[in-house]
PDB file of N, CA and C in Angstrom:
ATOM      1  N   MET A   1       9.660  -0.490 -10.946  1.00  0.00           N
ATOM      2  CA  MET A   1      10.358   0.366  -9.886  1.00  0.00           C
ATOM      3  C   MET A   1       9.659   1.626  -9.692  1.00  0.00           C
ATOM      4  N   LYS A   2       9.195   2.210 -11.007  1.00  0.00           N
ATOM      5  CA  LYS A   2       8.637   3.486 -10.888  1.00  0.00           C
ATOM      6  C   LYS A   2       7.309   3.471 -10.059  1.00  0.00           C
ATOM      7  N   SER A   3       6.684   2.405 -10.310  1.00  0.00           N
ATOM      8  CA  SER A   3       5.203   2.361  -9.597  1.00  0.00           C
ATOM      9  C   SER A   3       5.444   2.104  -8.209  1.00  0.00           C
ATOM     10  N   ASN A   4       6.648   1.576  -7.663  1.00  0.00           N
ATOM     11  CA  ASN A   4       7.024   1.191  -6.301  1.00  0.00           C
ATOM     12  C   ASN A   4       7.213   2.522  -5.588  1.00  0.00           C
ATOM     13  N   ASN A   5       7.915   3.373  -6.415  1.00  0.00           N
ATOM     14  CA  ASN A   5       8.166   4.800  -5.623  1.00  0.00           C
ATOM     15  C   ASN A   5       7.006   5.564  -5.782  1.00  0.00           C
ATOM     16  N   LEU A   6       6.116   5.552  -6.681  1.00  0.00           N
ATOM     17  CA  LEU A   6       4.827   6.269  -6.580  1.00  0.00           C
ATOM     18  C   LEU A   6       4.029   5.727  -5.395  1.00  0.00           C
ATOM     19  N   LEU A   7       4.080   4.298  -5.244  1.00  0.00           N
ATOM     20  CA  LEU A   7       3.372   3.795  -4.012  1.00  0.00           C
ATOM     21  C   LEU A   7       3.784   4.234  -2.684  1.00  0.00           C
ATOM     22  N   LYS A   8       5.168   4.200  -2.519  1.00  0.00           N
ATOM     23  CA  LYS A   8       5.856   4.782  -1.463  1.00  0.00           C
ATOM     24  C   LYS A   8       5.471   6.386  -1.127  1.00  0.00           C
ATOM     25  N   SER A   9       5.649   6.977  -2.180  1.00  0.00           N
ATOM     26  CA  SER A   9       5.370   8.485  -1.956  1.00  0.00           C
ATOM     27  C   SER A   9       3.870   8.828  -1.448  1.00  0.00           C
ATOM     28  N   THR A  10       3.016   8.089  -2.241  1.00  0.00           N
ATOM     29  CA  THR A  10       1.751   8.292  -1.844  1.00  0.00           C
ATOM     30  C   THR A  10       1.272   7.811  -0.439  1.00  0.00           C
ATOM     31  N   CYS A  11       1.858   6.613  -0.074  1.00  0.00           N
ATOM     32  CA  CYS A  11       1.632   6.117   1.378  1.00  0.00           C
ATOM     33  C   CYS A  11       2.203   7.149   2.390  1.00  0.00           C
ATOM     34  N   VAL A  12       3.342   7.601   2.153  1.00  0.00           N
ATOM     35  CA  VAL A  12       3.851   8.586   3.064  1.00  0.00           C
ATOM     36  C   VAL A  12       3.220   9.809   3.082  1.00  0.00           C
ATOM     37  N   CYS A  13       2.629  10.353   1.942  1.00  0.00           N
ATOM     38  CA  CYS A  13       1.763  11.540   1.969  1.00  0.00           C
ATOM     39  C   CYS A  13       0.604  11.392   2.691  1.00  0.00           C
ATOM     40  N   CYS A  14      -0.231  10.109   2.418  1.00  0.00           N
ATOM     41  CA  CYS A  14      -1.365   9.851   3.210  1.00  0.00           C
ATOM     42  C   CYS A  14      -1.105   9.685   4.775  1.00  0.00           C
ATOM     43  N   ALA A  15       0.078   9.090   5.101  1.00  0.00           N
ATOM     44  CA  ALA A  15       0.243   8.970   6.467  1.00  0.00           C
ATOM     45  C   ALA A  15       0.419  10.457   7.112  1.00  0.00           C
ATOM     46  N   ILE A  16       1.157  11.209   6.615  1.00  0.00           N
ATOM     47  CA  ILE A  16       1.559  12.532   7.178  1.00  0.00           C
ATOM     48  C   ILE A  16       0.049  13.390   7.190  1.00  0.00           C
ATOM     49  N   LEU A  17      -0.711  13.358   6.154  1.00  0.00           N
ATOM     50  CA  LEU A  17      -1.858  13.941   6.191  1.00  0.00           C
ATOM     51  C   LEU A  17      -2.863  13.472   7.409  1.00  0.00           C
ATOM     52  N   LEU A  18      -2.779  12.102   7.527  1.00  0.00           N
ATOM     53  CA  LEU A  18      -3.622  11.511   8.740  1.00  0.00           C
ATOM     54  C   LEU A  18      -2.966  11.864  10.038  1.00  0.00           C
ATOM     55  N   PHE A  19      -1.703  11.902  10.258  1.00  0.00           N
ATOM     56  CA  PHE A  19      -1.310  12.262  11.450  1.00  0.00           C
ATOM     57  C   PHE A  19      -1.430  13.745  11.801  1.00  0.00           C
ATOM     58  N   VAL A  20      -1.447  14.523  10.837  1.00  0.00           N
ATOM     59  CA  VAL A  20      -1.673  16.012  10.980  1.00  0.00           C
ATOM     60  C   VAL A  20      -3.212  16.147  11.307  1.00  0.00           C
ATOM     61  N   ALA A  21      -4.076  15.346  10.870  1.00  0.00           N
ATOM     62  CA  ALA A  21      -5.480  15.365  11.103  1.00  0.00           C
ATOM     63  C   ALA A  21      -5.922  15.297  12.372  1.00  0.00           C
ATOM     64  N   VAL A  22      -5.096  14.909  13.358  1.00  0.00           N
ATOM     65  CA  VAL A  22      -5.492  14.583  14.771  1.00  0.00           C
ATOM     66  C   VAL A  22      -5.708  15.905  15.366  1.00  0.00           C
ATOM     67  N   PHE A  23      -4.971  16.991  14.846  1.00  0.00           N
ATOM     68  CA  PHE A  23      -5.227  18.312  15.334  1.00  0.00           C
ATOM     69  C   PHE A  23      -6.681  19.012  14.719  1.00  0.00           C
ATOM     70  N   TYR A  24      -6.969  20.152  15.301  1.00  0.00           N
ATOM     71  CA  TYR A  24      -8.158  20.631  14.859  1.00  0.00           C
ATOM     72  C   TYR A  24      -7.885  21.534  13.510  1.00  0.00           C
ATOM     73  N   TRP A  25      -8.513  21.279  12.615  1.00  0.00           N
ATOM     74  CA  TRP A  25      -8.608  21.991  11.240  1.00  0.00           C
ATOM     75  C   TRP A  25      -9.908  22.405  10.715  1.00  0.00           C
ATOM     76  N   PRO A  26      -9.930  23.208   9.701  1.00  0.00           N
ATOM     77  CA  PRO A  26     -11.332  23.606   9.167  1.00  0.00           C
ATOM     78  C   PRO A  26     -11.670  22.347   8.445  1.00  0.00           C
ATOM     79  N   ILE A  27     -12.972  22.435   8.097  1.00  0.00           N
ATOM     80  CA  ILE A  27     -13.650  21.264   7.417  1.00  0.00           C
ATOM     81  C   ILE A  27     -13.082  21.059   5.987  1.00  0.00           C
ATOM     82  N   GLU A  28     -12.657  21.941   5.437  1.00  0.00           N
ATOM     83  CA  GLU A  28     -11.979  21.723   4.044  1.00  0.00           C
ATOM     84  C   GLU A  28     -10.803  20.904   4.158  1.00  0.00           C
ATOM     85  N   TYR A  29     -10.074  20.986   5.177  1.00  0.00           N
ATOM     86  CA  TYR A  29      -8.978  20.072   5.294  1.00  0.00           C
ATOM     87  C   TYR A  29      -9.309  18.522   5.344  1.00  0.00           C
ATOM     88  N   TYR A  30     -10.470  18.375   6.146  1.00  0.00           N
ATOM     89  CA  TYR A  30     -10.942  17.063   6.203  1.00  0.00           C
ATOM     90  C   TYR A  30     -11.488  16.571   4.829  1.00  0.00           C
ATOM     91  N   THR A  31     -12.184  17.349   4.117  1.00  0.00           N
ATOM     92  CA  THR A  31     -12.664  17.060   2.749  1.00  0.00           C
ATOM     93  C   THR A  31     -11.376  16.616   1.808  1.00  0.00           C
ATOM     94  N   PHE A  32     -10.426  17.424   1.904  1.00  0.00           N
ATOM     95  CA  PHE A  32      -9.182  17.050   1.166  1.00  0.00           C
ATOM     96  C   PHE A  32      -8.722  15.884   1.588  1.00  0.00           C
ATOM     97  N   LEU A  33      -8.610  15.618   2.975  1.00  0.00           N
ATOM     98  CA  LEU A  33      -7.977  14.324   3.538  1.00  0.00           C
ATOM     99  C   LEU A  33      -8.744  13.213   3.044  1.00  0.00           C
ATOM    100  N   ARG A  34     -10.113  13.295   3.127  1.00  0.00           N
ATOM    101  CA  ARG A  34     -10.986  12.177   2.500  1.00  0.00           C
ATOM    102  C   ARG A  34     -10.513  11.683   1.163  1.00  0.00           C
ATOM    103  N   THR A  35     -10.398  12.615   0.291  1.00  0.00           N
ATOM    104  CA  THR A  35     -10.150  12.465  -1.111  1.00  0.00           C
ATOM    105  C   THR A  35      -8.781  11.843  -1.356  1.00  0.00           C
ATOM    106  N   ILE A  36      -7.694  12.409  -0.600  1.00  0.00           N
ATOM    107  CA  ILE A  36      -6.402  11.940  -0.781  1.00  0.00           C
ATOM    108  C   ILE A  36      -6.239  10.558  -0.229  1.00  0.00           C
ATOM    109  N   VAL A  37      -6.771  10.283   0.957  1.00  0.00           N
ATOM    110  CA  VAL A  37      -6.746   8.960   1.538  1.00  0.00           C
ATOM    111  C   VAL A  37      -7.505   7.789   0.920  1.00  0.00           C
ATOM    112  N   PHE A  38      -8.640   8.357   0.270  1.00  0.00           N
ATOM    113  CA  PHE A  38      -9.400   7.417  -0.572  1.00  0.00           C
ATOM    114  C   PHE A  38      -8.618   6.931  -1.843  1.00  0.00           C
ATOM    115  N   ILE A  39      -8.132   8.084  -2.496  1.00  0.00           N
ATOM    116  CA  ILE A  39      -7.225   7.637  -3.562  1.00  0.00           C
ATOM    117  C   ILE A  39      -5.940   6.639  -3.213  1.00  0.00           C
ATOM    118  N   GLY A  40      -5.347   7.198  -2.184  1.00  0.00           N
ATOM    119  CA  GLY A  40      -4.181   6.395  -1.837  1.00  0.00           C
ATOM    120  C   GLY A  40      -4.570   4.896  -1.305  1.00  0.00           C
ATOM    121  N   ALA A  41      -5.809   4.735  -0.591  1.00  0.00           N
ATOM    122  CA  ALA A  41      -6.143   3.389  -0.350  1.00  0.00           C
ATOM    123  C   ALA A  41      -6.395   2.479  -1.583  1.00  0.00           C
ATOM    124  N   LEU A  42      -6.958   3.082  -2.647  1.00  0.00           N
ATOM    125  CA  LEU A  42      -7.286   2.483  -3.806  1.00  0.00           C
ATOM    126  C   LEU A  42      -6.112   2.142  -4.423  1.00  0.00           C
ATOM    127  N   LEU A  43      -5.037   3.010  -4.563  1.00  0.00           N
ATOM    128  CA  LEU A  43      -3.781   2.790  -5.060  1.00  0.00           C
ATOM    129  C   LEU A  43      -2.955   1.457  -4.443  1.00  0.00           C
ATOM    130  N   VAL A  44      -3.057   1.553  -3.217  1.00  0.00           N
ATOM    131  CA  VAL A  44      -2.521   0.360  -2.305  1.00  0.00           C
ATOM    132  C   VAL A  44      -3.215  -0.931  -2.726  1.00  0.00           C
ATOM    133  N   MET A  45      -4.555  -0.898  -2.655  1.00  0.00           N
ATOM    134  CA  MET A  45      -5.280  -2.141  -3.052  1.00  0.00           C
ATOM    135  C   MET A  45      -4.941  -2.457  -4.423  1.00  0.00           C
ATOM    136  N   VAL A  46      -4.737  -1.699  -5.450  1.00  0.00           N
ATOM    137  CA  VAL A  46      -4.475  -2.165  -6.773  1.00  0.00           C
ATOM    138  C   VAL A  46      -3.063  -2.569  -6.836  1.00  0.00           C
ATOM    139  N   SER A  47      -2.259  -2.098  -6.224  1.00  0.00           N
ATOM    140  CA  SER A  47      -0.678  -2.552  -6.199  1.00  0.00           C
ATOM    141  C   SER A  47      -0.542  -3.840  -5.543  1.00  0.00           C
ATOM    142  N   LEU A  48      -1.292  -4.125  -4.453  1.00  0.00           N
ATOM    143  CA  LEU A  48      -1.095  -5.434  -3.756  1.00  0.00           C
ATOM    144  C   LEU A  48      -1.970  -6.452  -4.243  1.00  0.00           C
ATOM    145  N   ARG A  49      -3.067  -6.178  -5.104  1.00  0.00           N
ATOM    146  CA  ARG A  49      -4.091  -7.054  -5.607  1.00  0.00           C
ATOM    147  C   ARG A  49      -4.230  -8.255  -4.886  1.00  0.00           C
ATOM    148  N   GLN A  50      -4.043  -9.459  -5.460  1.00  0.00           N
ATOM    149  CA  GLN A  50      -4.195 -10.698  -4.855  1.00  0.00           C
ATOM    150  C   GLN A  50      -3.189 -11.297  -3.923  1.00  0.00           C
ATOM    151  N   LYS A  51      -2.053 -10.590  -3.591  1.00  0.00           N
ATOM    152  CA  LYS A  51      -0.934 -10.956  -2.920  1.00  0.00           C
ATOM    153  C   LYS A  51      -1.273 -11.253  -1.483  1.00  0.00           C
ATOM    154  N   GLN A  52      -1.755 -10.238  -0.698  1.00  0.00           N
ATOM    155  CA  GLN A  52      -1.884 -10.346   0.666  1.00  0.00           C
ATOM    156  C   GLN A  52      -3.293  -9.856   1.008  1.00  0.00           C
ATOM    157  N   PHE A  53      -4.159 -10.808   1.274  1.00  0.00           N
ATOM    158  CA  PHE A  53      -5.647 -10.496   1.526  1.00  0.00           C
ATOM    159  C   PHE A  53      -5.928  -9.726   2.794  1.00  0.00           C
ATOM    160  N   PRO A  54      -5.054  -9.943   3.941  1.00  0.00           N
ATOM    161  CA  PRO A  54      -5.542  -9.005   5.154  1.00  0.00           C
ATOM    162  C   PRO A  54      -5.193  -7.502   4.838  1.00  0.00           C
ATOM    163  N   TRP A  55      -4.062  -7.220   4.101  1.00  0.00           N
ATOM    164  CA  TRP A  55      -3.696  -5.938   3.972  1.00  0.00           C
ATOM    165  C   TRP A  55      -4.827  -5.228   2.990  1.00  0.00           C
ATOM    166  N   ILE A  56      -5.371  -6.088   1.857  1.00  0.00           N
ATOM    167  CA  ILE A  56      -6.240  -5.598   1.102  1.00  0.00           C
ATOM    168  C   ILE A  56      -7.773  -5.164   1.850  1.00  0.00           C
ATOM    169  N   LEU A  57      -7.874  -6.114   2.799  1.00  0.00           N
ATOM    170  CA  LEU A  57      -9.158  -5.944   3.499  1.00  0.00           C
ATOM    171  C   LEU A  57      -8.914  -4.596   4.375  1.00  0.00           C
ATOM    172  N   ALA A  58      -7.844  -4.471   5.019  1.00  0.00           N
ATOM    173  CA  ALA A  58      -7.631  -3.201   5.712  1.00  0.00           C
ATOM    174  C   ALA A  58      -7.829  -2.082   4.809  1.00  0.00           C
ATOM    175  N   PHE A  59      -7.318  -1.999   3.937  1.00  0.00           N
ATOM    176  CA  PHE A  59      -7.348  -0.752   2.975  1.00  0.00           C
ATOM    177  C   PHE A  59      -8.673  -0.697   2.343  1.00  0.00           C
ATOM    178  N   VAL A  60      -9.705  -1.697   2.105  1.00  0.00           N
ATOM    179  CA  VAL A  60     -10.972  -1.573   1.880  1.00  0.00           C
ATOM    180  C   VAL A  60     -11.756  -0.931   2.866  1.00  0.00           C
ATOM    181  N   ILE A  61     -11.425  -1.107   4.185  1.00  0.00           N
ATOM    182  CA  ILE A  61     -12.103  -0.608   5.282  1.00  0.00           C
ATOM    183  C   ILE A  61     -11.631   0.973   5.437  1.00  0.00           C
ATOM    184  N   ILE A  62     -10.368   1.224   5.136  1.00  0.00           N
ATOM    185  CA  ILE A  62      -9.936   2.681   5.084  1.00  0.00           C
ATOM    186  C   ILE A  62     -10.614   3.258   3.818  1.00  0.00           C
ATOM    187  N   ALA A  63     -10.730   2.723   2.759  1.00  0.00           N
ATOM    188  CA  ALA A  63     -11.385   3.354   1.552  1.00  0.00           C
ATOM    189  C   ALA A  63     -12.836   3.817   1.975  1.00  0.00           C
ATOM    190  N   ILE A  64     -13.608   2.631   2.574  1.00  0.00           N
ATOM    191  CA  ILE A  64     -14.948   3.015   2.993  1.00  0.00           C
ATOM    192  C   ILE A  64     -15.075   4.104   4.039  1.00  0.00           C
ATOM    193  N   LEU A  65     -14.204   4.077   5.088  1.00  0.00           N
ATOM    194  CA  LEU A  65     -14.281   5.156   5.989  1.00  0.00           C
ATOM    195  C   LEU A  65     -13.989   6.497   5.646  1.00  0.00           C
ATOM    196  N   PHE A  66     -13.027   6.651   4.556  1.00  0.00           N
ATOM    197  CA  PHE A  66     -12.698   8.023   3.972  1.00  0.00           C
ATOM    198  C   PHE A  66     -13.173   8.305   2.781  1.00  0.00           C
ATOM    199  N   ASN A  67     -14.217   7.563   2.197  1.00  0.00           N
ATOM    200  CA  ASN A  67     -14.925   7.647   1.078  1.00  0.00           C
ATOM    201  C   ASN A  67     -15.511   9.272   0.902  1.00  0.00           C
ATOM    202  N   PRO A  68     -15.071   9.990  -0.086  1.00  0.00           N
ATOM    203  CA  PRO A  68     -15.533  11.317  -0.101  1.00  0.00           C
ATOM    204  C   PRO A  68     -16.824  11.338  -0.994  1.00  0.00           C
ATOM    205  N   ILE A  69     -17.188  10.273  -1.556  1.00  0.00           N
ATOM    206  CA  ILE A  69     -18.585  10.241  -2.333  1.00  0.00           C
ATOM    207  C   ILE A  69     -19.722  10.196  -1.356  1.00  0.00           C
ATOM    208  N   PHE A  70     -19.635   9.088  -0.558  1.00  0.00           N
ATOM    209  CA  PHE A  70     -20.761   8.907   0.468  1.00  0.00           C
ATOM    210  C   PHE A  70     -19.954   8.849   1.857  1.00  0.00           C
ATOM    211  N   PRO A  71     -19.750  10.146   2.312  1.00  0.00           N
ATOM    212  CA  PRO A  71     -18.895  10.155   3.457  1.00  0.00           C
ATOM    213  C   PRO A  71     -19.558   9.577   4.926  1.00  0.00           C
ATOM    214  N   ILE A  72     -18.745   9.030   5.662  1.00  0.00           N
ATOM    215  CA  ILE A  72     -19.205   8.301   6.957  1.00  0.00           C
ATOM    216  C   ILE A  72     -18.858   9.679   7.993  1.00  0.00           C
ATOM    217  N   TYR A  73     -19.835  10.057   8.609  1.00  0.00           N
ATOM    218  CA  TYR A  73     -19.594  11.036   9.619  1.00  0.00           C
ATOM    219  C   TYR A  73     -19.849  10.473  10.895  1.00  0.00           C
ATOM    220  N   LEU A  74     -18.691  10.577  11.905  1.00  0.00           N
ATOM    221  CA  LEU A  74     -18.683  10.071  13.233  1.00  0.00           C
ATOM    222  C   LEU A  74     -18.961  11.209  14.138  1.00  0.00           C
ATOM    223  N   TYR A  75     -18.981  12.432  13.765  1.00  0.00           N
ATOM    224  CA  TYR A  75     -19.330  13.627  14.466  1.00  0.00           C
ATOM    225  C   TYR A  75     -18.430  13.906  15.784  1.00  0.00           C
ATOM    226  N   ILE A  76     -17.755  12.958  16.299  1.00  0.00           N
ATOM    227  CA  ILE A  76     -16.959  13.211  17.478  1.00  0.00           C
ATOM    228  C   ILE A  76     -15.402  13.006  17.164  1.00  0.00           C
ATOM    229  N   LYS A  77     -14.764  14.019  17.294  1.00  0.00           N
ATOM    230  CA  LYS A  77     -13.512  13.881  17.058  1.00  0.00           C
ATOM    231  C   LYS A  77     -12.633  12.839  17.595  1.00  0.00           C
ATOM    232  N   ALA A  78     -12.979  12.510  18.959  1.00  0.00           N
ATOM    233  CA  ALA A  78     -12.288  11.391  19.556  1.00  0.00           C
ATOM    234  C   ALA A  78     -12.341  10.076  18.950  1.00  0.00           C
ATOM    235  N   TYR A  79     -13.570  10.052  18.115  1.00  0.00           N
ATOM    236  CA  TYR A  79     -13.424   8.748  17.415  1.00  0.00           C
ATOM    237  C   TYR A  79     -12.599   8.644  16.311  1.00  0.00           C
ATOM    238  N   TRP A  80     -12.331   9.741  15.606  1.00  0.00           N
ATOM    239  CA  TRP A  80     -11.574   9.916  14.374  1.00  0.00           C
ATOM    240  C   TRP A  80     -10.081   9.759  14.715  1.00  0.00           C
ATOM    241  N   ILE A  81      -9.815  10.199  15.893  1.00  0.00           N
ATOM    242  CA  ILE A  81      -8.189  10.282  16.144  1.00  0.00           C
ATOM    243  C   ILE A  81      -7.512   9.052  16.014  1.00  0.00           C
ATOM    244  N   PRO A  82      -8.108   7.710  16.776  1.00  0.00           N
ATOM    245  CA  PRO A  82      -7.413   6.517  16.680  1.00  0.00           C
ATOM    246  C   PRO A  82      -7.613   6.002  15.223  1.00  0.00           C
ATOM    247  N   ILE A  83      -8.776   6.341  14.445  1.00  0.00           N
ATOM    248  CA  ILE A  83      -8.878   5.843  13.161  1.00  0.00           C
ATOM    249  C   ILE A  83      -7.775   6.490  12.399  1.00  0.00           C
ATOM    250  N   ASP A  84      -7.544   7.785  12.497  1.00  0.00           N
ATOM    251  CA  ASP A  84      -6.415   8.434  11.765  1.00  0.00           C
ATOM    252  C   ASP A  84      -5.103   7.876  12.108  1.00  0.00           C
ATOM    253  N   ILE A  85      -4.800   7.709  13.296  1.00  0.00           N
ATOM    254  CA  ILE A  85      -3.479   7.186  13.632  1.00  0.00           C
ATOM    255  C   ILE A  85      -3.242   5.782  13.195  1.00  0.00           C
ATOM    256  N   ILE A  86      -4.274   4.854  13.327  1.00  0.00           N
ATOM    257  CA  ILE A  86      -4.050   3.540  12.918  1.00  0.00           C
ATOM    258  C   ILE A  86      -4.052   3.552  11.377  1.00  0.00           C
ATOM    259  N   SER A  87      -4.746   4.246  10.661  1.00  0.00           N
ATOM    260  CA  SER A  87      -4.663   4.333   9.111  1.00  0.00           C
ATOM    261  C   SER A  87      -3.308   4.922   8.572  1.00  0.00           C
ATOM    262  N   GLY A  88      -2.873   5.842   9.324  1.00  0.00           N
ATOM    263  CA  GLY A  88      -1.562   6.501   9.061  1.00  0.00           C
ATOM    264  C   GLY A  88      -0.360   5.432   9.333  1.00  0.00           C
ATOM    265  N   ILE A  89      -0.465   4.632  10.395  1.00  0.00           N
ATOM    266  CA  ILE A  89       0.541   3.549  10.604  1.00  0.00           C
ATOM    267  C   ILE A  89       0.366   2.453   9.535  1.00  0.00           C
ATOM    268  N   LEU A  90      -0.706   2.128   9.116  1.00  0.00           N
ATOM    269  CA  LEU A  90      -0.902   1.112   7.992  1.00  0.00           C
ATOM    270  C   LEU A  90      -0.321   1.655   6.685  1.00  0.00           C
ATOM    271  N   PHE A  91      -0.414   2.818   6.566  1.00  0.00           N
ATOM    272  CA  PHE A  91       0.117   3.388   5.247  1.00  0.00           C
ATOM    273  C   PHE A  91       1.566   3.472   5.176  1.00  0.00           C
ATOM    274  N   LEU A  92       2.125   3.684   6.467  1.00  0.00           N
ATOM    275  CA  LEU A  92       3.681   3.635   6.709  1.00  0.00           C
ATOM    276  C   LEU A  92       4.097   2.217   6.523  1.00  0.00           C
ATOM    277  N   LEU A  93       3.280   1.215   7.176  1.00  0.00           N
ATOM    278  CA  LEU A  93       3.838  -0.126   7.168  1.00  0.00           C
ATOM    279  C   LEU A  93       3.824  -0.661   5.636  1.00  0.00           C
ATOM    280  N   VAL A  94       2.949  -0.209   4.758  1.00  0.00           N
ATOM    281  CA  VAL A  94       2.909  -0.593   3.284  1.00  0.00           C
ATOM    282  C   VAL A  94       3.966   0.106   2.669  1.00  0.00           C
ATOM    283  N   ALA A  95       4.478   1.287   3.067  1.00  0.00           N
ATOM    284  CA  ALA A  95       5.363   2.005   2.424  1.00  0.00           C
ATOM    285  C   ALA A  95       6.794   1.378   2.661  1.00  0.00           C
ATOM    286  N   PHE A  96       6.982   0.949   3.918  1.00  0.00           N
ATOM    287  CA  PHE A  96       8.346   0.675   4.298  1.00  0.00           C
ATOM    288  C   PHE A  96       8.712  -0.900   4.447  1.00  0.00           C
ATOM    289  N   LEU A  97       7.708  -1.464   4.859  1.00  0.00           N
ATOM    290  CA  LEU A  97       7.901  -3.006   4.950  1.00  0.00           C
ATOM    291  C   LEU A  97       8.509  -3.633   3.725  1.00  0.00           C
ATOM    292  N   LYS A  98       9.182  -4.480   3.842  1.00  0.00           N
ATOM    293  CA  LYS A  98       9.898  -5.241   2.696  1.00  0.00           C
ATOM    294  C   LYS A  98       8.757  -6.129   1.828  1.00  0.00           C
ATOM    295  N   GLN A  99       8.544  -5.781   0.683  1.00  0.00           N
ATOM    296  CA  GLN A  99       7.589  -6.432  -0.083  1.00  0.00           C
ATOM    297  C   GLN A  99       8.171  -7.868  -0.656  1.00  0.00           C
ATOM    298  N   PRO A 100       7.352  -9.004  -0.367  1.00  0.00           N
ATOM    299  CA  PRO A 100       7.897 -10.097  -0.870  1.00  0.00           C
ATOM    300  C   PRO A 100       8.117 -10.104  -2.447  1.00  0.00           C
ATOM    301  N   GLN A 101       9.396 -10.526  -2.701  1.00  0.00           N
ATOM    302  CA  GLN A 101       9.708 -10.430  -4.086  1.00  0.00           C
ATOM    303  C   GLN A 101       9.395 -11.871  -4.830  1.00  0.00           C
ATOM    304  N   LYS A 102       9.060 -11.682  -6.209  1.00  0.00           N
ATOM    305  CA  LYS A 102       8.756 -12.935  -6.865  1.00  0.00           C
ATOM    306  C   LYS A 102      10.172 -13.561  -6.887  1.00  0.00           C
ATOM    307  N   LYS A 103      10.132 -14.871  -6.751  1.00  0.00           N
ATOM    308  CA  LYS A 103      11.340 -15.691  -6.840  1.00  0.00           C
ATOM    309  C   LYS A 103      11.630 -15.878  -8.392  1.00  0.00           C
ATOM    310  N   SER A 104      12.736 -15.479  -8.843  1.00  0.00           N
ATOM    311  CA  SER A 104      12.976 -15.583 -10.164  1.00  0.00           C
ATOM    312  C   SER A 104      13.627 -16.825 -10.446  1.00  0.00           C
ATOM    313  N   GLU A 105      13.214 -17.550 -11.405  1.00  0.00           N
ATOM    314  CA  GLU A 105      13.890 -18.793 -11.557  1.00  0.00           C
ATOM    315  C   GLU A 105      15.044 -18.557 -12.479  1.00  0.00           C
ATOM    316  N   LYS A 106      16.326 -19.224 -11.772  1.00  0.00           N
ATOM    317  CA  LYS A 106      17.300 -19.133 -12.753  1.00  0.00           C
ATOM    318  C   LYS A 106      17.451 -20.121 -13.718  1.00  0.00           C
ATOM    319  N   LYS A 107      17.709 -19.723 -14.822  1.00  0.00           N
ATOM    320  CA  LYS A 107      17.744 -20.521 -16.008  1.00  0.00           C
ATOM    321  C   LYS A 107      19.155 -21.195 -15.955  1.00  0.00           C
ATOM    322  N   VAL A 108      19.180 -22.505 -15.724  1.00  0.00           N
ATOM    323  CA  VAL A 108      20.564 -23.311 -15.768  1.00  0.00           C
ATOM    324  C   VAL A 108      20.556 -23.973 -16.928  1.00  0.00           C
ATOM    325  N   LYS A 109      21.709 -23.653 -17.762  1.00  0.00           N
ATOM    326  CA  LYS A 109      21.743 -24.339 -19.074  1.00  0.00           C
ATOM    327  C   LYS A 109      22.326 -25.660 -18.636  1.00  0.00           C
ATOM    328  N   LYS A 110      21.734 -26.675 -19.202  1.00  0.00           N
ATOM    329  CA  LYS A 110      22.110 -28.129 -18.935  1.00  0.00           C
ATOM    330  C   LYS A 110      23.273 -28.305 -19.966  1.00  0.00           C
ATOM    331  N   ALA A 111      24.258 -29.070 -19.371  1.00  0.00           N
ATOM    332  CA  ALA A 111      25.539 -29.236 -20.103  1.00  0.00           C
ATOM    333  C   ALA A 111      24.983 -30.358 -21.114  1.00  0.00           C
ATOM    334  N   ASP A 112      25.557 -30.042 -22.369  1.00  0.00           N
ATOM    335  CA  ASP A 112      25.299 -31.221 -23.405  1.00  0.00           C
ATOM    336  C   ASP A 112      25.886 -32.389 -22.939  1.00  0.00           C
ATOM    337  N   LYS A 113      25.135 -33.358 -23.428  1.00  0.00           N
ATOM    338  CA  LYS A 113      25.424 -34.842 -23.129  1.00  0.00           C
ATOM    339  C   LYS A 113      26.786 -35.273 -23.860  1.00  0.00           C
ATOM    340  N   THR A 114      27.779 -35.708 -23.217  1.00  0.00           N
ATOM    341  CA  THR A 114      28.980 -36.106 -23.835  1.00  0.00           C
ATOM    342  C   THR A 114      29.103 -37.593 -24.006  1.00  0.00           C
ATOM    343  N   TYR A 115      29.729 -38.006 -24.943  1.00  0.00           N
ATOM    344  CA  TYR A 115      29.885 -39.413 -25.163  1.00  0.00           C
ATOM    345  C   TYR A 115      31.223 -39.775 -25.206  1.00  0.00           C
ATOM    346  N   SER A 116      31.624 -40.975 -25.011  1.00  0.00           N
ATOM    347  CA  SER A 116      33.228 -41.458 -25.051  1.00  0.00           C
ATOM    348  C   SER A 116      33.554 -41.205 -26.372  1.00  0.00           C
ATOM    349  N   ARG A 117      32.814 -41.346 -27.307  1.00  0.00           N
ATOM    350  CA  ARG A 117      33.265 -41.136 -28.832  1.00  0.00           C
ATOM    351  C   ARG A 117      33.598 -39.869 -29.306  1.00  0.00           C
ATOM    352  N   ASP A 118      33.108 -38.773 -28.418  1.00  0.00           N
ATOM    353  CA  ASP A 118      33.279 -37.442 -28.648  1.00  0.00           C
ATOM    354  C   ASP A 118      34.558 -37.006 -28.172  1.00  0.00           C
ATOM    355  N   LYS A 119      35.183 -37.631 -27.216  1.00  0.00           N
ATOM    356  CA  LYS A 119      36.374 -37.145 -26.657  1.00  0.00           C
ATOM    357  C   LYS A 119      37.665 -37.314 -27.542  1.00  0.00           C
ATOM    358  N   ILE A 120      38.446 -36.424 -27.430  1.00  0.00           N
ATOM    359  CA  ILE A 120      39.659 -36.558 -28.177  1.00  0.00           C
ATOM    360  C   ILE A 120      40.789 -37.028 -27.267  1.00  0.00           C
ATOM    361  N   TYR A 121      41.566 -38.054 -27.581  1.00  0.00           N
ATOM    362  CA  TYR A 121      42.598 -38.507 -26.777  1.00  0.00           C
ATOM    363  C   TYR A 121      43.976 -37.982 -27.234  1.00  0.00           C
TER     364      TYR A 121
END
């Protein structure tokens, strides 16, 4: 439960930062954005693991685009705006869509077998 709350709050934080990035900010903001979104994408990938491959693939792409170690520069703000919006929406979808729950097997206690000789008349 605690990790689910951490995932939700990280996803919401990343989404807000990405939506705010649509406006013009100093370069320091975008460096900060790259770092936070990269960490958020890694956290989402780790939390989803092998459950949902399309989601993991989407966040691998986000992690590559927002990688602060080897940054990808597109140089034109108009290219980054749709990437920021789509990435923010993906983070919100992960945060608020219902995650599939593992089906818990209910342990049904089998009734002991009764024999006619065991009955009291």
